[in-house]
Amino acid sequence: MTIAVQFPDGSVRTVPGQLRAVEDAAHPDGPPLFEQVPLNCSSRWHYYRKGKGWFARPRTGHLSAFRVPQEEWWRPVAAMADDDDVPPKIGSAA
């Protein structure tokens, strides 16, 4: 499902969209209403509504690097090790 979005250069492009539930204040007990909105899944563009149309603007901000993952607390516990890491039991035919 796609929705038309106007970009800063004046072009209109279709981008991925989704249906989002909308509350109807006039009929709170009526059937649910839905509207189609663009997914903000682009790393370059942020989509926003102005009036009844959708527009794109460049994203601003900085990306940060992920932290190096710490070793899981359970790794040194022998009983929680994977089968490959566990030494064979005494008296087993392995």
Protein backbone atom coordinates (compact mmCIF):
# COMPACT_ATOMS: atom_id res chain seq x y z
CA MET A 1 0.00 0.00 0.00
CA THR A 2 1.46 3.37 -0.96
CA ILE A 3 0.55 7.01 -0.45
CA ALA A 4 1.45 10.13 -2.45
CA VAL A 5 3.89 12.54 -0.76
CA GLN A 6 5.11 15.88 -2.08
CA PHE A 7 8.88 16.42 -1.83
CA PRO A 8 10.75 19.75 -1.48
CA ASP A 9 11.58 19.86 -5.20
CA GLY A 10 7.85 19.84 -6.01
CA SER A 11 7.73 16.24 -7.22
CA VAL A 12 5.08 13.88 -5.92
CA ARG A 13 6.21 10.33 -5.22
CA THR A 14 4.53 7.31 -3.73
CA VAL A 15 6.00 5.97 -0.51
CA PRO A 16 5.07 2.94 1.66
CA GLY A 17 1.98 3.58 3.75
CA GLN A 18 -0.20 1.99 6.41
CA LEU A 19 -3.74 2.26 7.72
CA ARG A 20 -4.00 3.91 11.14
CA ALA A 21 -7.11 3.92 13.32
CA VAL A 22 -8.73 7.34 13.85
CA GLU A 23 -11.04 8.24 16.69
CA ASP A 24 -14.36 9.72 15.54
CA ALA A 25 -15.50 12.18 18.23
CA ALA A 26 -18.92 12.54 16.58
CA HIS A 27 -19.61 8.77 16.75
CA PRO A 28 -17.58 7.23 19.60
CA ASP A 29 -19.62 3.98 19.55
CA GLY A 30 -19.64 3.64 15.77
CA PRO A 31 -17.41 1.47 13.62
CA PRO A 32 -13.72 2.32 13.63
CA LEU A 33 -12.40 4.74 11.01
CA PHE A 34 -9.02 4.43 9.36
CA GLU A 35 -6.75 6.80 7.46
CA GLN A 36 -3.81 6.03 5.23
CA VAL A 37 -0.52 7.51 6.43
CA PRO A 38 3.06 7.16 5.18
CA LEU A 39 5.51 5.02 7.12
CA ASN A 40 8.42 7.05 8.47
CA CYS A 41 10.88 4.34 7.47
CA SER A 42 13.17 6.40 5.24
CA SER A 43 16.57 7.34 6.64
CA ARG A 44 16.61 10.47 4.45
CA TRP A 45 13.04 11.82 4.70
CA HIS A 46 10.55 12.64 7.44
CA TYR A 47 6.88 12.77 6.39
CA TYR A 48 4.40 15.20 7.91
CA ARG A 49 0.83 16.31 7.27
CA LYS A 50 0.01 19.87 6.27
CA GLY A 51 -3.70 20.41 5.77
CA LYS A 52 -4.97 17.38 3.89
CA GLY A 53 -1.70 16.55 2.11
CA TRP A 54 1.51 14.77 3.06
CA PHE A 55 4.91 16.38 2.60
CA ALA A 56 8.54 15.28 3.01
CA ARG A 57 11.43 17.14 4.59
CA PRO A 58 15.02 16.01 5.04
CA ARG A 59 15.77 14.37 8.35
CA THR A 60 18.05 16.24 10.70
CA GLY A 61 20.22 14.97 13.50
CA HIS A 62 23.18 12.71 13.96
CA LEU A 63 23.62 8.97 13.99
CA SER A 64 25.41 7.40 16.90
CA ALA A 65 27.35 4.17 16.88
CA PHE A 66 26.05 1.23 18.85
CA ARG A 67 27.92 0.25 21.98
CA VAL A 68 30.01 -2.90 21.97
CA PRO A 69 27.86 -5.61 23.55
CA GLN A 70 29.00 -6.85 26.92
CA GLU A 71 29.45 -10.56 27.50
CA GLU A 72 26.25 -12.14 28.75
CA TRP A 73 26.20 -12.93 32.46
CA TRP A 74 25.36 -16.58 31.87
CA ARG A 75 28.31 -17.46 29.60
CA PRO A 76 30.67 -18.63 32.43
CA VAL A 77 27.96 -20.86 33.98
CA ALA A 78 28.75 -24.39 32.78
CA ALA A 79 25.18 -25.65 33.18
CA MET A 80 23.95 -22.98 30.76
CA ALA A 81 26.57 -23.59 28.06
CA ASP A 82 25.73 -24.87 24.60
CA ASP A 83 26.31 -28.57 23.91
CA ASP A 84 29.46 -27.79 21.89
CA ASP A 85 31.08 -26.06 24.87
CA VAL A 86 30.32 -28.74 27.46
CA PRO A 87 33.06 -31.34 28.01
CA PRO A 88 31.87 -34.98 27.77
CA LYS A 89 30.69 -36.64 30.99
CA ILE A 90 32.97 -39.16 32.68
CA GLY A 91 32.12 -42.68 31.59
CA SER A 92 30.23 -41.61 28.45
CA ALA A 93 31.03 -43.08 25.05
CA ALA A 94 31.71 -39.70 23.46
